[in-house]
Every structure is written in structure tokens, then in C-alpha cells.
Amino acid sequence: MSFYRNRYFLSGILLILLGLQFRRVESFVLNERSTRFVARMTNTPLVDNSTTLGSIFEPVTPVPRKRVTPPRWLGLSLIAFGCVITFHSFVIPRHREG
């Protein structure tokens, strides 16, 4: 499968839109399943049970939810990279069948 002009254009537009979304959003709150996945991959506990009181009340803790705050530069870099790919799609020759 070759990467033609329209696929470059679409991926550039999607990167621009994703970058705009990262610029507008301050933080994301992950659901329980995603939080457990992140905790398993980073080897961090879901609940801080370093105290005896924490270990006693661990079964009654609320559903863990992690808050992710993306860095400010991420949105701008996605927008810039999307613009470069979109402009590159304009200089690619059109695909001709046969």
C-alpha cells in the first residue's frame, strides 16, 4: 500500500486537529481500566497504602482515576508537524491509475 497525496493530506489535518485539542484541554481524567493499565506499566501502586491506616482502608477506597496533564509544547508541536505534512501533500504529484 503506497502513501498517496490524499493520505498525507488526511494525516496532516488529523495531526492539526489533535494538536488543537491538546492546546484547548488542560488535563484528562482516565477511566478505571486505563488507570490500572498505566499503574501496571509504570509499576506504581494505585493507592498509597504506606501507612497502616491506608492498608486497613484499601478495600473501601473509591475507584482509582488518574489525571494526566499534557505539556503545553505537545499541542504546538503536533500543529506544526501537521502543517508540514499537509503542505508536503500539495507538492506530491497526483496519483494516476495505470
N, C-alpha and C. Protein backbone atom coordinates (compact mmCIF):
# COMPACT_ATOMS: atom_id res chain seq x y z
N MET A 1 0.85 -1.17 0.00
CA MET A 1 0.00 0.00 0.00
C MET A 1 0.89 1.24 0.00
N SER A 2 0.78 2.04 -1.00
CA SER A 2 1.61 3.24 -1.07
C SER A 2 0.87 4.42 -0.45
N PHE A 3 1.64 5.41 -0.05
CA PHE A 3 1.10 6.57 0.65
C PHE A 3 0.93 7.71 -0.35
N TYR A 4 -0.27 7.89 -0.86
CA TYR A 4 -0.52 8.90 -1.89
C TYR A 4 -0.83 10.25 -1.27
N ARG A 5 -1.09 11.20 -2.13
CA ARG A 5 -1.29 12.59 -1.75
C ARG A 5 -2.43 12.77 -0.76
N ASN A 6 -3.54 12.10 -0.99
CA ASN A 6 -4.70 12.30 -0.11
C ASN A 6 -4.45 11.74 1.29
N ARG A 7 -3.64 10.70 1.41
CA ARG A 7 -3.34 10.15 2.73
C ARG A 7 -2.42 11.07 3.52
N TYR A 8 -1.46 11.71 2.84
CA TYR A 8 -0.63 12.71 3.51
C TYR A 8 -1.50 13.87 3.99
N PHE A 9 -2.40 14.32 3.13
CA PHE A 9 -3.26 15.44 3.49
C PHE A 9 -4.13 15.09 4.69
N LEU A 10 -4.74 13.90 4.68
CA LEU A 10 -5.60 13.50 5.78
C LEU A 10 -4.82 13.36 7.08
N SER A 11 -3.65 12.74 7.04
CA SER A 11 -2.88 12.59 8.28
C SER A 11 -2.41 13.95 8.80
N GLY A 12 -2.08 14.88 7.91
CA GLY A 12 -1.70 16.22 8.35
C GLY A 12 -2.85 16.96 9.02
N ILE A 13 -4.04 16.86 8.44
CA ILE A 13 -5.22 17.51 9.03
C ILE A 13 -5.55 16.89 10.38
N LEU A 14 -5.45 15.56 10.49
CA LEU A 14 -5.73 14.91 11.76
C LEU A 14 -4.72 15.33 12.84
N LEU A 15 -3.46 15.48 12.47
CA LEU A 15 -2.46 15.94 13.44
C LEU A 15 -2.73 17.38 13.88
N ILE A 16 -3.16 18.21 12.95
CA ILE A 16 -3.51 19.59 13.31
C ILE A 16 -4.68 19.61 14.28
N LEU A 17 -5.71 18.83 14.01
CA LEU A 17 -6.87 18.79 14.89
C LEU A 17 -6.52 18.21 16.27
N LEU A 18 -5.67 17.20 16.29
CA LEU A 18 -5.24 16.62 17.56
C LEU A 18 -4.41 17.64 18.35
N GLY A 19 -3.57 18.39 17.66
CA GLY A 19 -2.79 19.44 18.33
C GLY A 19 -3.67 20.54 18.88
N LEU A 20 -4.72 20.92 18.14
CA LEU A 20 -5.66 21.91 18.66
C LEU A 20 -6.37 21.40 19.89
N GLN A 21 -6.70 20.13 19.90
CA GLN A 21 -7.36 19.55 21.07
C GLN A 21 -6.41 19.57 22.27
N PHE A 22 -5.15 19.24 22.09
CA PHE A 22 -4.19 19.27 23.19
C PHE A 22 -3.95 20.69 23.69
N ARG A 23 -4.09 21.69 22.82
CA ARG A 23 -3.93 23.08 23.25
C ARG A 23 -5.12 23.56 24.07
N ARG A 24 -6.31 23.05 23.77
CA ARG A 24 -7.52 23.51 24.44
C ARG A 24 -7.77 22.81 25.77
N VAL A 25 -7.29 21.58 25.93
CA VAL A 25 -7.59 20.78 27.12
C VAL A 25 -6.50 20.97 28.16
N GLU A 26 -6.91 21.18 29.40
CA GLU A 26 -5.95 21.35 30.48
C GLU A 26 -5.44 20.03 31.02
N SER A 27 -6.36 19.07 31.21
CA SER A 27 -5.97 17.75 31.71
C SER A 27 -7.03 16.73 31.33
N PHE A 28 -6.64 15.46 31.35
CA PHE A 28 -7.53 14.35 31.06
C PHE A 28 -7.68 13.51 32.32
N VAL A 29 -8.88 12.98 32.54
CA VAL A 29 -9.10 12.05 33.64
C VAL A 29 -9.34 10.69 33.02
N LEU A 30 -8.46 9.75 33.33
CA LEU A 30 -8.56 8.41 32.76
C LEU A 30 -9.63 7.61 33.50
N ASN A 31 -10.22 6.66 32.80
CA ASN A 31 -11.17 5.77 33.46
C ASN A 31 -10.42 4.72 34.27
N GLU A 32 -11.16 3.86 34.96
CA GLU A 32 -10.54 2.90 35.87
C GLU A 32 -9.64 1.92 35.12
N ARG A 33 -10.09 1.44 33.98
CA ARG A 33 -9.31 0.47 33.21
C ARG A 33 -7.98 1.08 32.74
N SER A 34 -8.03 2.30 32.23
CA SER A 34 -6.80 2.96 31.76
C SER A 34 -5.87 3.27 32.92
N THR A 35 -6.43 3.66 34.06
CA THR A 35 -5.61 3.95 35.22
C THR A 35 -4.88 2.70 35.70
N ARG A 36 -5.58 1.57 35.70
CA ARG A 36 -4.94 0.32 36.11
C ARG A 36 -3.84 -0.08 35.12
N PHE A 37 -4.07 0.16 33.82
CA PHE A 37 -3.06 -0.15 32.81
C PHE A 37 -1.81 0.71 33.01
N VAL A 38 -1.99 2.00 33.23
CA VAL A 38 -0.86 2.90 33.45
C VAL A 38 -0.10 2.51 34.71
N ALA A 39 -0.83 2.16 35.77
CA ALA A 39 -0.18 1.76 37.02
C ALA A 39 0.61 0.47 36.83
N ARG A 40 0.07 -0.46 36.04
CA ARG A 40 0.78 -1.72 35.80
C ARG A 40 2.03 -1.49 34.95
N MET A 41 1.98 -0.61 33.98
CA MET A 41 3.13 -0.36 33.12
C MET A 41 4.23 0.44 33.83
N THR A 42 3.86 1.33 34.74
CA THR A 42 4.85 2.15 35.43
C THR A 42 5.25 1.59 36.79
N ASN A 43 4.66 0.45 37.18
CA ASN A 43 4.97 -0.20 38.46
C ASN A 43 4.75 0.72 39.65
N THR A 44 3.65 1.47 39.63
CA THR A 44 3.29 2.32 40.75
C THR A 44 1.99 1.80 41.36
N PRO A 45 1.83 1.91 42.68
CA PRO A 45 0.60 1.42 43.29
C PRO A 45 -0.57 2.34 42.97
N LEU A 46 -1.77 1.76 42.90
CA LEU A 46 -2.97 2.55 42.65
C LEU A 46 -3.33 3.42 43.86
N VAL A 47 -3.13 2.87 45.06
CA VAL A 47 -3.47 3.57 46.29
C VAL A 47 -2.22 3.66 47.15
N ASP A 48 -2.02 4.80 47.77
CA ASP A 48 -0.88 4.96 48.67
C ASP A 48 -1.22 4.30 50.00
N ASN A 49 -0.73 3.08 50.19
CA ASN A 49 -1.01 2.37 51.44
C ASN A 49 0.27 2.21 52.25
N SER A 50 1.05 3.27 52.31
CA SER A 50 2.31 3.21 53.05
C SER A 50 2.08 3.28 54.56
N THR A 51 0.91 3.72 54.99
CA THR A 51 0.61 3.76 56.41
C THR A 51 -0.27 2.57 56.78
N THR A 52 -0.34 2.28 58.05
CA THR A 52 -1.20 1.17 58.48
C THR A 52 -2.67 1.50 58.26
N LEU A 53 -3.01 2.78 58.41
CA LEU A 53 -4.40 3.17 58.17
C LEU A 53 -4.75 3.00 56.69
N GLY A 54 -3.79 3.31 55.81
CA GLY A 54 -4.03 3.13 54.38
C GLY A 54 -4.21 1.68 54.01
N SER A 55 -3.47 0.79 54.64
CA SER A 55 -3.61 -0.63 54.33
C SER A 55 -4.90 -1.21 54.88
N ILE A 56 -5.42 -0.62 55.96
CA ILE A 56 -6.69 -1.09 56.51
C ILE A 56 -7.85 -0.69 55.60
N PHE A 57 -7.82 0.56 55.10
CA PHE A 57 -8.93 1.06 54.31
C PHE A 57 -8.76 0.87 52.80
N GLU A 58 -7.79 0.11 52.37
CA GLU A 58 -7.56 -0.11 50.94
C GLU A 58 -8.77 -0.74 50.24
N PRO A 59 -9.47 -1.71 50.84
CA PRO A 59 -10.62 -2.29 50.13
C PRO A 59 -11.79 -1.33 49.94
N VAL A 60 -11.88 -0.25 50.73
CA VAL A 60 -13.02 0.65 50.61
C VAL A 60 -12.66 1.95 49.91
N THR A 61 -11.53 2.03 49.27
CA THR A 61 -11.16 3.24 48.56
C THR A 61 -12.00 3.39 47.31
N PRO A 62 -12.22 4.61 46.85
CA PRO A 62 -13.01 4.81 45.63
C PRO A 62 -12.27 4.29 44.40
N VAL A 63 -12.98 4.24 43.31
CA VAL A 63 -12.41 3.77 42.06
C VAL A 63 -11.25 4.69 41.68
N PRO A 64 -10.06 4.12 41.41
CA PRO A 64 -8.91 4.99 41.11
C PRO A 64 -9.04 5.62 39.73
N ARG A 65 -8.78 6.89 39.67
CA ARG A 65 -8.78 7.62 38.40
C ARG A 65 -7.55 8.52 38.37
N LYS A 66 -6.81 8.42 37.29
CA LYS A 66 -5.57 9.19 37.16
C LYS A 66 -5.83 10.42 36.31
N ARG A 67 -5.26 11.53 36.71
CA ARG A 67 -5.36 12.79 35.96
C ARG A 67 -4.05 13.00 35.20
N VAL A 68 -4.14 13.15 33.89
CA VAL A 68 -2.97 13.34 33.04
C VAL A 68 -2.99 14.77 32.53
N THR A 69 -1.91 15.49 32.76
CA THR A 69 -1.78 16.87 32.27
C THR A 69 -0.73 16.90 31.17
N PRO A 70 -1.15 17.05 29.90
CA PRO A 70 -0.16 17.08 28.82
C PRO A 70 0.64 18.38 28.84
N PRO A 71 1.90 18.33 28.43
CA PRO A 71 2.71 19.55 28.41
C PRO A 71 2.22 20.52 27.33
N ARG A 72 2.45 21.81 27.53
CA ARG A 72 1.96 22.83 26.60
C ARG A 72 2.60 22.72 25.22
N TRP A 73 3.85 22.25 25.17
CA TRP A 73 4.56 22.19 23.89
C TRP A 73 4.02 21.09 22.99
N LEU A 74 3.30 20.12 23.55
CA LEU A 74 2.83 18.99 22.75
C LEU A 74 1.83 19.43 21.69
N GLY A 75 0.89 20.30 22.06
CA GLY A 75 -0.09 20.78 21.10
C GLY A 75 0.54 21.56 19.96
N LEU A 76 1.47 22.45 20.31
CA LEU A 76 2.12 23.24 19.26
C LEU A 76 2.97 22.38 18.33
N SER A 77 3.63 21.39 18.87
CA SER A 77 4.46 20.54 18.02
C SER A 77 3.59 19.69 17.09
N LEU A 78 2.44 19.21 17.57
CA LEU A 78 1.55 18.45 16.70
C LEU A 78 0.97 19.34 15.59
N ILE A 79 0.62 20.58 15.92
CA ILE A 79 0.11 21.50 14.91
C ILE A 79 1.19 21.79 13.87
N ALA A 80 2.41 22.05 14.31
CA ALA A 80 3.50 22.36 13.37
C ALA A 80 3.81 21.17 12.47
N PHE A 81 3.88 19.98 13.06
CA PHE A 81 4.16 18.78 12.28
C PHE A 81 3.02 18.49 11.29
N GLY A 82 1.78 18.71 11.73
CA GLY A 82 0.63 18.53 10.83
C GLY A 82 0.64 19.51 9.68
N CYS A 83 1.06 20.76 9.93
CA CYS A 83 1.15 21.75 8.85
C CYS A 83 2.21 21.36 7.83
N VAL A 84 3.34 20.88 8.31
CA VAL A 84 4.41 20.46 7.40
C VAL A 84 3.93 19.30 6.53
N ILE A 85 3.27 18.32 7.10
CA ILE A 85 2.78 17.17 6.32
C ILE A 85 1.70 17.61 5.34
N THR A 86 0.80 18.51 5.78
CA THR A 86 -0.25 19.00 4.89
C THR A 86 0.36 19.76 3.71
N PHE A 87 1.31 20.66 3.98
CA PHE A 87 1.95 21.40 2.88
C PHE A 87 2.75 20.47 1.97
N HIS A 88 3.32 19.42 2.54
CA HIS A 88 4.06 18.45 1.73
C HIS A 88 3.11 17.71 0.78
N SER A 89 1.88 17.51 1.21
CA SER A 89 0.93 16.80 0.36
C SER A 89 0.58 17.60 -0.89
N PHE A 90 0.74 18.93 -0.84
CA PHE A 90 0.45 19.75 -2.02
C PHE A 90 1.51 19.63 -3.09
N VAL A 91 2.74 19.26 -2.74
CA VAL A 91 3.81 19.17 -3.73
C VAL A 91 4.00 17.75 -4.26
N ILE A 92 3.31 16.76 -3.66
CA ILE A 92 3.39 15.40 -4.16
C ILE A 92 2.58 15.32 -5.46
N PRO A 93 3.12 14.69 -6.51
CA PRO A 93 2.33 14.57 -7.74
C PRO A 93 1.09 13.70 -7.51
N ARG A 94 0.06 14.01 -8.27
CA ARG A 94 -1.19 13.25 -8.14
C ARG A 94 -0.98 11.82 -8.63
N HIS A 95 -1.71 10.90 -8.01
CA HIS A 95 -1.61 9.50 -8.38
C HIS A 95 -2.42 9.25 -9.64
N ARG A 96 -1.82 8.58 -10.58
CA ARG A 96 -2.52 8.24 -11.84
C ARG A 96 -2.62 6.74 -11.97
N GLU A 97 -3.80 6.27 -12.21
CA GLU A 97 -4.02 4.83 -12.40
C GLU A 97 -3.49 4.40 -13.74
N GLY A 98 -2.76 3.28 -13.74
CA GLY A 98 -2.28 2.67 -14.99
C GLY A 98 -1.28 3.43 -15.62
